[in-house]
Amino acid sequence: MSLSPTAEAIKHYKVTFDWRNGFESWSKVPTTEKYHMLAPNLGLEATGADEIRDIIFGFCTENELQQELTDIIEHGQYVTCMLNLKTKSGERTQCVEVFLLDEEGRVDKIWAL
């Protein structure tokens, strides 16, 4: 099954993710102006590009986060990524990120679980 253009952009971002230029790479994915991200296990929440850059990608940079995309699934308005994560201290965890797309195919909400 083929992915929508937005899901393909998310996939490309995840496959090529590097904490040094994370936000620059992410900014190529279409988003709504006030898109919102929640990462409850990390205590992170941000709305809009500036907060996402400062809070979410600040966390990625501080922890030199590495991501490995193990699977991506698109189901209607949802794109789900299964990830293996590793921090600079060597801590490893598995994560699921769910992206809700609006009617124009832009990312509107992200949950990192």
PDB file of N, CA and C in Angstrom:
ATOM      1  N   MET A   1       0.845  -1.185   0.000  1.00  0.00           N
ATOM      2  CA  MET A   1       0.000   0.000   0.000  1.00  0.00           C
ATOM      3  C   MET A   1       0.890   1.248   0.000  1.00  0.00           C
ATOM      4  N   SER A   2       0.581   2.181  -0.868  1.00  0.00           N
ATOM      5  CA  SER A   2       1.407   3.380  -0.959  1.00  0.00           C
ATOM      6  C   SER A   2       0.972   4.414   0.082  1.00  0.00           C
ATOM      7  N   LEU A   3       1.905   5.273   0.435  1.00  0.00           N
ATOM      8  CA  LEU A   3       1.667   6.313   1.432  1.00  0.00           C
ATOM      9  C   LEU A   3       1.305   7.623   0.750  1.00  0.00           C
ATOM     10  N   SER A   4       0.548   8.455   1.457  1.00  0.00           N
ATOM     11  CA  SER A   4       0.226   9.793   0.968  1.00  0.00           C
ATOM     12  C   SER A   4       1.508  10.630   0.924  1.00  0.00           C
ATOM     13  N   PRO A   5       1.479  11.758   0.222  1.00  0.00           N
ATOM     14  CA  PRO A   5       2.668  12.621   0.197  1.00  0.00           C
ATOM     15  C   PRO A   5       3.130  13.052   1.601  1.00  0.00           C
ATOM     16  N   THR A   6       2.207  13.340   2.501  1.00  0.00           N
ATOM     17  CA  THR A   6       2.599  13.736   3.859  1.00  0.00           C
ATOM     18  C   THR A   6       3.221  12.571   4.606  1.00  0.00           C
ATOM     19  N   ALA A   7       2.628  11.379   4.488  1.00  0.00           N
ATOM     20  CA  ALA A   7       3.214  10.204   5.142  1.00  0.00           C
ATOM     21  C   ALA A   7       4.598   9.904   4.570  1.00  0.00           C
ATOM     22  N   GLU A   8       4.778  10.077   3.269  1.00  0.00           N
ATOM     23  CA  GLU A   8       6.101   9.889   2.658  1.00  0.00           C
ATOM     24  C   GLU A   8       7.097  10.912   3.219  1.00  0.00           C
ATOM     25  N   ALA A   9       6.651  12.155   3.415  1.00  0.00           N
ATOM     26  CA  ALA A   9       7.518  13.197   3.987  1.00  0.00           C
ATOM     27  C   ALA A   9       7.902  12.844   5.421  1.00  0.00           C
ATOM     28  N   ILE A  10       6.942  12.328   6.197  1.00  0.00           N
ATOM     29  CA  ILE A  10       7.232  11.897   7.570  1.00  0.00           C
ATOM     30  C   ILE A  10       8.237  10.748   7.544  1.00  0.00           C
ATOM     31  N   LYS A  11       8.018   9.787   6.667  1.00  0.00           N
ATOM     32  CA  LYS A  11       8.919   8.639   6.548  1.00  0.00           C
ATOM     33  C   LYS A  11      10.340   9.108   6.208  1.00  0.00           C
ATOM     34  N   HIS A  12      10.451   9.992   5.230  1.00  0.00           N
ATOM     35  CA  HIS A  12      11.777  10.504   4.845  1.00  0.00           C
ATOM     36  C   HIS A  12      12.444  11.203   6.030  1.00  0.00           C
ATOM     37  N   TYR A  13      11.680  12.026   6.741  1.00  0.00           N
ATOM     38  CA  TYR A  13      12.208  12.717   7.914  1.00  0.00           C
ATOM     39  C   TYR A  13      12.718  11.714   8.952  1.00  0.00           C
ATOM     40  N   LYS A  14      11.940  10.670   9.225  1.00  0.00           N
ATOM     41  CA  LYS A  14      12.321   9.679  10.236  1.00  0.00           C
ATOM     42  C   LYS A  14      13.544   8.872   9.798  1.00  0.00           C
ATOM     43  N   VAL A  15      13.577   8.458   8.540  1.00  0.00           N
ATOM     44  CA  VAL A  15      14.685   7.641   8.040  1.00  0.00           C
ATOM     45  C   VAL A  15      15.995   8.424   8.042  1.00  0.00           C
ATOM     46  N   THR A  16      15.925   9.717   7.775  1.00  0.00           N
ATOM     47  CA  THR A  16      17.136  10.536   7.690  1.00  0.00           C
ATOM     48  C   THR A  16      17.375  11.371   8.944  1.00  0.00           C
ATOM     49  N   PHE A  17      16.612  11.125  10.018  1.00  0.00           N
ATOM     50  CA  PHE A  17      16.689  11.951  11.227  1.00  0.00           C
ATOM     51  C   PHE A  17      18.116  12.038  11.777  1.00  0.00           C
ATOM     52  N   ASP A  18      18.525  13.251  12.087  1.00  0.00           N
ATOM     53  CA  ASP A  18      19.793  13.527  12.754  1.00  0.00           C
ATOM     54  C   ASP A  18      19.521  14.668  13.731  1.00  0.00           C
ATOM     55  N   TRP A  19      19.807  14.448  15.005  1.00  0.00           N
ATOM     56  CA  TRP A  19      19.481  15.452  16.027  1.00  0.00           C
ATOM     57  C   TRP A  19      20.123  16.805  15.744  1.00  0.00           C
ATOM     58  N   ARG A  20      21.218  16.840  14.977  1.00  0.00           N
ATOM     59  CA  ARG A  20      21.906  18.103  14.700  1.00  0.00           C
ATOM     60  C   ARG A  20      21.090  19.035  13.801  1.00  0.00           C
ATOM     61  N   ASN A  21      20.250  18.466  12.943  1.00  0.00           N
ATOM     62  CA  ASN A  21      19.435  19.301  12.048  1.00  0.00           C
ATOM     63  C   ASN A  21      17.985  18.823  12.034  1.00  0.00           C
ATOM     64  N   GLY A  22      17.512  18.348  13.172  1.00  0.00           N
ATOM     65  CA  GLY A  22      16.173  17.778  13.281  1.00  0.00           C
ATOM     66  C   GLY A  22      15.062  18.711  12.853  1.00  0.00           C
ATOM     67  N   PHE A  23      15.050  19.929  13.387  1.00  0.00           N
ATOM     68  CA  PHE A  23      13.946  20.825  13.050  1.00  0.00           C
ATOM     69  C   PHE A  23      14.008  21.249  11.596  1.00  0.00           C
ATOM     70  N   GLU A  24      15.200  21.486  11.089  1.00  0.00           N
ATOM     71  CA  GLU A  24      15.351  21.876   9.680  1.00  0.00           C
ATOM     72  C   GLU A  24      14.763  20.795   8.773  1.00  0.00           C
ATOM     73  N   SER A  25      15.055  19.548   9.075  1.00  0.00           N
ATOM     74  CA  SER A  25      14.535  18.430   8.302  1.00  0.00           C
ATOM     75  C   SER A  25      13.023  18.297   8.490  1.00  0.00           C
ATOM     76  N   TRP A  26      12.564  18.416   9.746  1.00  0.00           N
ATOM     77  CA  TRP A  26      11.135  18.308  10.048  1.00  0.00           C
ATOM     78  C   TRP A  26      10.334  19.389   9.319  1.00  0.00           C
ATOM     79  N   SER A  27      10.893  20.582   9.153  1.00  0.00           N
ATOM     80  CA  SER A  27      10.154  21.701   8.571  1.00  0.00           C
ATOM     81  C   SER A  27       9.736  21.450   7.121  1.00  0.00           C
ATOM     82  N   LYS A  28      10.214  20.387   6.512  1.00  0.00           N
ATOM     83  CA  LYS A  28       9.812  20.029   5.152  1.00  0.00           C
ATOM     84  C   LYS A  28       8.499  19.245   5.132  1.00  0.00           C
ATOM     85  N   VAL A  29       8.021  18.815   6.312  1.00  0.00           N
ATOM     86  CA  VAL A  29       6.745  18.099   6.428  1.00  0.00           C
ATOM     87  C   VAL A  29       5.631  19.141   6.536  1.00  0.00           C
ATOM     88  N   PRO A  30       4.554  19.009   5.741  1.00  0.00           N
ATOM     89  CA  PRO A  30       3.470  19.998   5.825  1.00  0.00           C
ATOM     90  C   PRO A  30       2.723  19.918   7.162  1.00  0.00           C
ATOM     91  N   THR A  31       2.554  21.074   7.799  1.00  0.00           N
ATOM     92  CA  THR A  31       1.871  21.144   9.098  1.00  0.00           C
ATOM     93  C   THR A  31       0.885  22.305   9.088  1.00  0.00           C
ATOM     94  N   THR A  32      -0.068  22.248  10.019  1.00  0.00           N
ATOM     95  CA  THR A  32      -0.956  23.396  10.226  1.00  0.00           C
ATOM     96  C   THR A  32      -0.171  24.442  11.016  1.00  0.00           C
ATOM     97  N   GLU A  33      -0.676  25.649  11.046  1.00  0.00           N
ATOM     98  CA  GLU A  33       0.029  26.728  11.743  1.00  0.00           C
ATOM     99  C   GLU A  33       0.168  26.461  13.242  1.00  0.00           C
ATOM    100  N   LYS A  34      -0.864  25.940  13.849  1.00  0.00           N
ATOM    101  CA  LYS A  34      -0.882  25.727  15.308  1.00  0.00           C
ATOM    102  C   LYS A  34      -0.830  24.245  15.662  1.00  0.00           C
ATOM    103  N   TYR A  35      -0.049  23.457  14.889  1.00  0.00           N
ATOM    104  CA  TYR A  35      -0.001  22.031  15.198  1.00  0.00           C
ATOM    105  C   TYR A  35       0.542  21.822  16.610  1.00  0.00           C
ATOM    106  N   HIS A  36       0.124  20.720  17.200  1.00  0.00           N
ATOM    107  CA  HIS A  36       0.366  20.471  18.619  1.00  0.00           C
ATOM    108  C   HIS A  36       1.042  19.112  18.793  1.00  0.00           C
ATOM    109  N   MET A  37       2.038  19.051  19.670  1.00  0.00           N
ATOM    110  CA  MET A  37       2.712  17.786  19.969  1.00  0.00           C
ATOM    111  C   MET A  37       2.686  17.549  21.465  1.00  0.00           C
ATOM    112  N   LEU A  38       2.392  16.315  21.818  1.00  0.00           N
ATOM    113  CA  LEU A  38       2.359  15.892  23.216  1.00  0.00           C
ATOM    114  C   LEU A  38       3.195  14.622  23.357  1.00  0.00           C
ATOM    115  N   ALA A  39       4.157  14.652  24.275  1.00  0.00           N
ATOM    116  CA  ALA A  39       4.985  13.487  24.604  1.00  0.00           C
ATOM    117  C   ALA A  39       4.871  13.276  26.109  1.00  0.00           C
ATOM    118  N   PRO A  40       3.769  12.649  26.571  1.00  0.00           N
ATOM    119  CA  PRO A  40       3.487  12.570  28.008  1.00  0.00           C
ATOM    120  C   PRO A  40       4.556  11.844  28.826  1.00  0.00           C
ATOM    121  N   ASN A  41       5.183  10.825  28.274  1.00  0.00           N
ATOM    122  CA  ASN A  41       6.206  10.085  29.027  1.00  0.00           C
ATOM    123  C   ASN A  41       7.461  10.925  29.275  1.00  0.00           C
ATOM    124  N   LEU A  42       7.655  11.949  28.454  1.00  0.00           N
ATOM    125  CA  LEU A  42       8.814  12.833  28.605  1.00  0.00           C
ATOM    126  C   LEU A  42       8.439  14.150  29.276  1.00  0.00           C
ATOM    127  N   GLY A  43       7.143  14.360  29.491  1.00  0.00           N
ATOM    128  CA  GLY A  43       6.688  15.615  30.076  1.00  0.00           C
ATOM    129  C   GLY A  43       6.823  16.789  29.131  1.00  0.00           C
ATOM    130  N   LEU A  44       6.730  16.532  27.819  1.00  0.00           N
ATOM    131  CA  LEU A  44       6.892  17.591  26.826  1.00  0.00           C
ATOM    132  C   LEU A  44       5.584  17.864  26.104  1.00  0.00           C
ATOM    133  N   GLU A  45       5.318  19.143  25.877  1.00  0.00           N
ATOM    134  CA  GLU A  45       4.153  19.562  25.107  1.00  0.00           C
ATOM    135  C   GLU A  45       4.496  20.876  24.425  1.00  0.00           C
ATOM    136  N   ALA A  46       4.075  21.020  23.173  1.00  0.00           N
ATOM    137  CA  ALA A  46       4.391  22.236  22.431  1.00  0.00           C
ATOM    138  C   ALA A  46       3.341  22.468  21.354  1.00  0.00           C
ATOM    139  N   THR A  47       3.106  23.739  21.025  1.00  0.00           N
ATOM    140  CA  THR A  47       2.160  24.127  19.985  1.00  0.00           C
ATOM    141  C   THR A  47       2.827  25.138  19.060  1.00  0.00           C
ATOM    142  N   GLY A  48       2.743  24.887  17.766  1.00  0.00           N
ATOM    143  CA  GLY A  48       3.310  25.796  16.767  1.00  0.00           C
ATOM    144  C   GLY A  48       4.794  25.542  16.539  1.00  0.00           C
ATOM    145  N   ALA A  49       5.259  26.002  15.396  1.00  0.00           N
ATOM    146  CA  ALA A  49       6.631  25.730  14.964  1.00  0.00           C
ATOM    147  C   ALA A  49       7.696  26.213  15.950  1.00  0.00           C
ATOM    148  N   ASP A  50       7.529  27.404  16.511  1.00  0.00           N
ATOM    149  CA  ASP A  50       8.555  27.937  17.416  1.00  0.00           C
ATOM    150  C   ASP A  50       8.697  27.084  18.675  1.00  0.00           C
ATOM    151  N   GLU A  51       7.556  26.720  19.286  1.00  0.00           N
ATOM    152  CA  GLU A  51       7.617  25.877  20.490  1.00  0.00           C
ATOM    153  C   GLU A  51       8.129  24.478  20.156  1.00  0.00           C
ATOM    154  N   ILE A  52       7.692  23.936  19.021  1.00  0.00           N
ATOM    155  CA  ILE A  52       8.168  22.605  18.615  1.00  0.00           C
ATOM    156  C   ILE A  52       9.691  22.649  18.469  1.00  0.00           C
ATOM    157  N   ARG A  53      10.191  23.685  17.808  1.00  0.00           N
ATOM    158  CA  ARG A  53      11.641  23.823  17.621  1.00  0.00           C
ATOM    159  C   ARG A  53      12.353  23.930  18.968  1.00  0.00           C
ATOM    160  N   ASP A  54      11.870  24.812  19.824  1.00  0.00           N
ATOM    161  CA  ASP A  54      12.555  25.076  21.087  1.00  0.00           C
ATOM    162  C   ASP A  54      12.417  23.928  22.084  1.00  0.00           C
ATOM    163  N   ILE A  55      11.213  23.411  22.261  1.00  0.00           N
ATOM    164  CA  ILE A  55      10.962  22.407  23.304  1.00  0.00           C
ATOM    165  C   ILE A  55      11.292  20.998  22.827  1.00  0.00           C
ATOM    166  N   ILE A  56      10.675  20.586  21.740  1.00  0.00           N
ATOM    167  CA  ILE A  56      10.833  19.200  21.273  1.00  0.00           C
ATOM    168  C   ILE A  56      12.230  18.972  20.702  1.00  0.00           C
ATOM    169  N   PHE A  57      12.633  19.830  19.788  1.00  0.00           N
ATOM    170  CA  PHE A  57      13.950  19.629  19.187  1.00  0.00           C
ATOM    171  C   PHE A  57      15.069  20.058  20.129  1.00  0.00           C
ATOM    172  N   GLY A  58      14.762  20.911  21.092  1.00  0.00           N
ATOM    173  CA  GLY A  58      15.728  21.197  22.158  1.00  0.00           C
ATOM    174  C   GLY A  58      16.018  19.932  22.948  1.00  0.00           C
ATOM    175  N   PHE A  59      14.983  19.159  23.252  1.00  0.00           N
ATOM    176  CA  PHE A  59      15.141  17.874  23.940  1.00  0.00           C
ATOM    177  C   PHE A  59      15.974  16.917  23.087  1.00  0.00           C
ATOM    178  N   CYS A  60      15.664  16.839  21.796  1.00  0.00           N
ATOM    179  CA  CYS A  60      16.410  15.944  20.896  1.00  0.00           C
ATOM    180  C   CYS A  60      17.890  16.301  20.868  1.00  0.00           C
ATOM    181  N   THR A  61      18.191  17.596  20.801  1.00  0.00           N
ATOM    182  CA  THR A  61      19.578  18.059  20.752  1.00  0.00           C
ATOM    183  C   THR A  61      20.283  17.805  22.082  1.00  0.00           C
ATOM    184  N   GLU A  62      19.634  18.161  23.180  1.00  0.00           N
ATOM    185  CA  GLU A  62      20.224  17.973  24.505  1.00  0.00           C
ATOM    186  C   GLU A  62      20.585  16.506  24.759  1.00  0.00           C
ATOM    187  N   ASN A  63      19.750  15.600  24.259  1.00  0.00           N
ATOM    188  CA  ASN A  63      19.957  14.170  24.487  1.00  0.00           C
ATOM    189  C   ASN A  63      20.621  13.456  23.314  1.00  0.00           C
ATOM    190  N   GLU A  64      20.997  14.221  22.264  1.00  0.00           N
ATOM    191  CA  GLU A  64      21.594  13.651  21.058  1.00  0.00           C
ATOM    192  C   GLU A  64      20.803  12.420  20.615  1.00  0.00           C
ATOM    193  N   LEU A  65      19.505  12.606  20.538  1.00  0.00           N
ATOM    194  CA  LEU A  65      18.577  11.515  20.271  1.00  0.00           C
ATOM    195  C   LEU A  65      18.792  10.894  18.897  1.00  0.00           C
ATOM    196  N   GLN A  66      18.838   9.579  18.877  1.00  0.00           N
ATOM    197  CA  GLN A  66      18.906   8.819  17.635  1.00  0.00           C
ATOM    198  C   GLN A  66      17.583   8.084  17.472  1.00  0.00           C
ATOM    199  N   GLN A  67      17.058   8.061  16.256  1.00  0.00           N
ATOM    200  CA  GLN A  67      15.801   7.380  15.972  1.00  0.00           C
ATOM    201  C   GLN A  67      16.011   6.375  14.860  1.00  0.00           C
ATOM    202  N   GLU A  68      15.409   5.210  15.027  1.00  0.00           N
ATOM    203  CA  GLU A  68      15.385   4.212  13.970  1.00  0.00           C
ATOM    204  C   GLU A  68      13.918   3.887  13.688  1.00  0.00           C
ATOM    205  N   LEU A  69      13.468   4.166  12.475  1.00  0.00           N
ATOM    206  CA  LEU A  69      12.107   3.854  12.077  1.00  0.00           C
ATOM    207  C   LEU A  69      12.018   2.364  11.775  1.00  0.00           C
ATOM    208  N   THR A  70      11.151   1.654  12.505  1.00  0.00           N
ATOM    209  CA  THR A  70      10.995   0.223  12.255  1.00  0.00           C
ATOM    210  C   THR A  70       9.761  -0.083  11.418  1.00  0.00           C
ATOM    211  N   ASP A  71       8.762   0.814  11.429  1.00  0.00           N
ATOM    212  CA  ASP A  71       7.575   0.625  10.599  1.00  0.00           C
ATOM    213  C   ASP A  71       6.788   1.923  10.538  1.00  0.00           C
ATOM    214  N   ILE A  72       6.060   2.100   9.459  1.00  0.00           N
ATOM    215  CA  ILE A  72       5.160   3.237   9.303  1.00  0.00           C
ATOM    216  C   ILE A  72       3.878   2.724   8.675  1.00  0.00           C
ATOM    217  N   ILE A  73       2.750   3.141   9.244  1.00  0.00           N
ATOM    218  CA  ILE A  73       1.442   2.712   8.775  1.00  0.00           C
ATOM    219  C   ILE A  73       0.563   3.950   8.634  1.00  0.00           C
ATOM    220  N   GLU A  74      -0.179   4.003   7.543  1.00  0.00           N
ATOM    221  CA  GLU A  74      -1.145   5.086   7.355  1.00  0.00           C
ATOM    222  C   GLU A  74      -2.535   4.476   7.338  1.00  0.00           C
ATOM    223  N   HIS A  75      -3.410   5.035   8.156  1.00  0.00           N
ATOM    224  CA  HIS A  75      -4.785   4.546   8.257  1.00  0.00           C
ATOM    225  C   HIS A  75      -5.703   5.760   8.303  1.00  0.00           C
ATOM    226  N   GLY A  76      -6.340   6.073   7.180  1.00  0.00           N
ATOM    227  CA  GLY A  76      -7.182   7.260   7.118  1.00  0.00           C
ATOM    228  C   GLY A  76      -6.370   8.513   7.377  1.00  0.00           C
ATOM    229  N   GLN A  77      -6.799   9.295   8.366  1.00  0.00           N
ATOM    230  CA  GLN A  77      -6.118  10.559   8.690  1.00  0.00           C
ATOM    231  C   GLN A  77      -4.926  10.370   9.627  1.00  0.00           C
ATOM    232  N   TYR A  78      -4.605   9.133   9.974  1.00  0.00           N
ATOM    233  CA  TYR A  78      -3.545   8.869  10.949  1.00  0.00           C
ATOM    234  C   TYR A  78      -2.335   8.225  10.292  1.00  0.00           C
ATOM    235  N   VAL A  79      -1.164   8.691  10.697  1.00  0.00           N
ATOM    236  CA  VAL A  79       0.103   8.079  10.300  1.00  0.00           C
ATOM    237  C   VAL A  79       0.780   7.663  11.594  1.00  0.00           C
ATOM    238  N   THR A  80       1.163   6.389  11.677  1.00  0.00           N
ATOM    239  CA  THR A  80       1.774   5.869  12.890  1.00  0.00           C
ATOM    240  C   THR A  80       3.184   5.378  12.573  1.00  0.00           C
ATOM    241  N   CYS A  81       4.146   5.814  13.372  1.00  0.00           N
ATOM    242  CA  CYS A  81       5.542   5.398  13.223  1.00  0.00           C
ATOM    243  C   CYS A  81       5.970   4.624  14.460  1.00  0.00           C
ATOM    244  N   MET A  82       6.564   3.453  14.242  1.00  0.00           N
ATOM    245  CA  MET A  82       7.163   2.686  15.320  1.00  0.00           C
ATOM    246  C   MET A  82       8.670   2.965  15.277  1.00  0.00           C
ATOM    247  N   LEU A  83       9.210   3.343  16.442  1.00  0.00           N
ATOM    248  CA  LEU A  83      10.593   3.805  16.497  1.00  0.00           C
ATOM    249  C   LEU A  83      11.376   3.129  17.613  1.00  0.00           C
ATOM    250  N   ASN A  84      12.657   2.941  17.373  1.00  0.00           N
ATOM    251  CA  ASN A  84      13.616   2.624  18.425  1.00  0.00           C
ATOM    252  C   ASN A  84      14.401   3.905  18.668  1.00  0.00           C
ATOM    253  N   LEU A  85      14.511   4.302  19.937  1.00  0.00           N
ATOM    254  CA  LEU A  85      15.211   5.531  20.298  1.00  0.00           C
ATOM    255  C   LEU A  85      16.419   5.213  21.159  1.00  0.00           C
ATOM    256  N   LYS A  86      17.448   6.052  21.030  1.00  0.00           N
ATOM    257  CA  LYS A  86      18.643   5.906  21.858  1.00  0.00           C
ATOM    258  C   LYS A  86      19.163   7.298  22.182  1.00  0.00           C
ATOM    259  N   THR A  87      19.503   7.529  23.458  1.00  0.00           N
ATOM    260  CA  THR A  87      20.052   8.813  23.889  1.00  0.00           C
ATOM    261  C   THR A  87      21.572   8.726  23.974  1.00  0.00           C
ATOM    262  N   LYS A  88      22.216   9.888  24.167  1.00  0.00           N
ATOM    263  CA  LYS A  88      23.674   9.925  24.271  1.00  0.00           C
ATOM    264  C   LYS A  88      24.181   9.121  25.458  1.00  0.00           C
ATOM    265  N   SER A  89      23.356   8.939  26.489  1.00  0.00           N
ATOM    266  CA  SER A  89      23.771   8.153  27.654  1.00  0.00           C
ATOM    267  C   SER A  89      23.598   6.650  27.422  1.00  0.00           C
ATOM    268  N   GLY A  90      23.065   6.287  26.239  1.00  0.00           N
ATOM    269  CA  GLY A  90      22.892   4.881  25.909  1.00  0.00           C
ATOM    270  C   GLY A  90      21.525   4.312  26.268  1.00  0.00           C
ATOM    271  N   GLU A  91      20.659   5.150  26.855  1.00  0.00           N
ATOM    272  CA  GLU A  91      19.318   4.683  27.199  1.00  0.00           C
ATOM    273  C   GLU A  91      18.547   4.381  25.920  1.00  0.00           C
ATOM    274  N   ARG A  92      17.912   3.211  25.906  1.00  0.00           N
ATOM    275  CA  ARG A  92      17.132   2.787  24.736  1.00  0.00           C
ATOM    276  C   ARG A  92      15.679   2.603  25.123  1.00  0.00           C
ATOM    277  N   THR A  93      14.807   2.943  24.187  1.00  0.00           N
ATOM    278  CA  THR A  93      13.373   2.754  24.410  1.00  0.00           C
ATOM    279  C   THR A  93      12.681   2.596  23.070  1.00  0.00           C
ATOM    280  N   GLN A  94      11.523   1.993  23.116  1.00  0.00           N
ATOM    281  CA  GLN A  94      10.678   1.906  21.931  1.00  0.00           C
ATOM    282  C   GLN A  94       9.583   2.948  22.068  1.00  0.00           C
ATOM    283  N   CYS A  95       9.183   3.518  20.962  1.00  0.00           N
ATOM    284  CA  CYS A  95       8.221   4.611  20.963  1.00  0.00           C
ATOM    285  C   CYS A  95       7.282   4.464  19.772  1.00  0.00           C
ATOM    286  N   VAL A  96       6.077   4.940  19.938  1.00  0.00           N
ATOM    287  CA  VAL A  96       5.118   5.038  18.848  1.00  0.00           C
ATOM    288  C   VAL A  96       4.751   6.513  18.717  1.00  0.00           C
ATOM    289  N   GLU A  97       4.814   7.032  17.512  1.00  0.00           N
ATOM    290  CA  GLU A  97       4.359   8.391  17.257  1.00  0.00           C
ATOM    291  C   GLU A  97       3.154   8.322  16.331  1.00  0.00           C
ATOM    292  N   VAL A  98       2.103   9.026  16.713  1.00  0.00           N
ATOM    293  CA  VAL A  98       0.879   9.072  15.925  1.00  0.00           C
ATOM    294  C   VAL A  98       0.684  10.504  15.445  1.00  0.00           C
ATOM    295  N   PHE A  99       0.517  10.657  14.156  1.00  0.00           N
ATOM    296  CA  PHE A  99       0.316  11.959  13.522  1.00  0.00           C
ATOM    297  C   PHE A  99      -1.116  12.016  13.003  1.00  0.00           C
ATOM    298  N   LEU A 100      -1.875  13.041  13.388  1.00  0.00           N
ATOM    299  CA  LEU A 100      -3.219  13.266  12.862  1.00  0.00           C
ATOM    300  C   LEU A 100      -3.122  14.320  11.771  1.00  0.00           C
ATOM    301  N   LEU A 101      -3.593  13.976  10.581  1.00  0.00           N
ATOM    302  CA  LEU A 101      -3.559  14.899   9.459  1.00  0.00           C
ATOM    303  C   LEU A 101      -4.917  15.581   9.317  1.00  0.00           C
ATOM    304  N   ASP A 102      -4.902  16.852   8.914  1.00  0.00           N
ATOM    305  CA  ASP A 102      -6.161  17.553   8.668  1.00  0.00           C
ATOM    306  C   ASP A 102      -6.686  17.188   7.274  1.00  0.00           C
ATOM    307  N   GLU A 103      -7.808  17.782   6.891  1.00  0.00           N
ATOM    308  CA  GLU A 103      -8.439  17.448   5.610  1.00  0.00           C
ATOM    309  C   GLU A 103      -7.582  17.829   4.409  1.00  0.00           C
ATOM    310  N   GLU A 104      -6.593  18.693   4.604  1.00  0.00           N
ATOM    311  CA  GLU A 104      -5.677  19.073   3.523  1.00  0.00           C
ATOM    312  C   GLU A 104      -4.385  18.261   3.555  1.00  0.00           C
ATOM    313  N   GLY A 105      -4.305  17.282   4.465  1.00  0.00           N
ATOM    314  CA  GLY A 105      -3.132  16.418   4.529  1.00  0.00           C
ATOM    315  C   GLY A 105      -1.964  16.992   5.298  1.00  0.00           C
ATOM    316  N   ARG A 106      -2.222  17.995   6.136  1.00  0.00           N
ATOM    317  CA  ARG A 106      -1.161  18.594   6.951  1.00  0.00           C
ATOM    318  C   ARG A 106      -1.195  18.006   8.349  1.00  0.00           C
ATOM    319  N   VAL A 107      -0.037  17.879   8.977  1.00  0.00           N
ATOM    320  CA  VAL A 107       0.031  17.388  10.347  1.00  0.00           C
ATOM    321  C   VAL A 107      -0.597  18.437  11.267  1.00  0.00           C
ATOM    322  N   ASP A 108      -1.567  17.990  12.091  1.00  0.00           N
ATOM    323  CA  ASP A 108      -2.242  18.883  13.019  1.00  0.00           C
ATOM    324  C   ASP A 108      -1.947  18.524  14.474  1.00  0.00           C
ATOM    325  N   LYS A 109      -1.806  17.236  14.744  1.00  0.00           N
ATOM    326  CA  LYS A 109      -1.504  16.781  16.106  1.00  0.00           C
ATOM    327  C   LYS A 109      -0.509  15.628  16.039  1.00  0.00           C
ATOM    328  N   ILE A 110       0.350  15.574  17.059  1.00  0.00           N
ATOM    329  CA  ILE A 110       1.335  14.493  17.171  1.00  0.00           C
ATOM    330  C   ILE A 110       1.330  14.012  18.608  1.00  0.00           C
ATOM    331  N   TRP A 111       1.257  12.702  18.772  1.00  0.00           N
ATOM    332  CA  TRP A 111       1.393  12.086  20.076  1.00  0.00           C
ATOM    333  C   TRP A 111       2.608  11.170  20.029  1.00  0.00           C
ATOM    334  N   ALA A 112       3.572  11.394  20.915  1.00  0.00           N
ATOM    335  CA  ALA A 112       4.739  10.517  21.048  1.00  0.00           C
ATOM    336  C   ALA A 112       4.514   9.688  22.307  1.00  0.00           C
ATOM    337  N   LEU A 113       4.286   8.419  22.117  1.00  0.00           N
ATOM    338  CA  LEU A 113       3.906   7.544  23.224  1.00  0.00           C
ATOM    339  C   LEU A 113       4.923   6.435  23.449  1.00  0.00           C
TER     340      LEU A 113
END
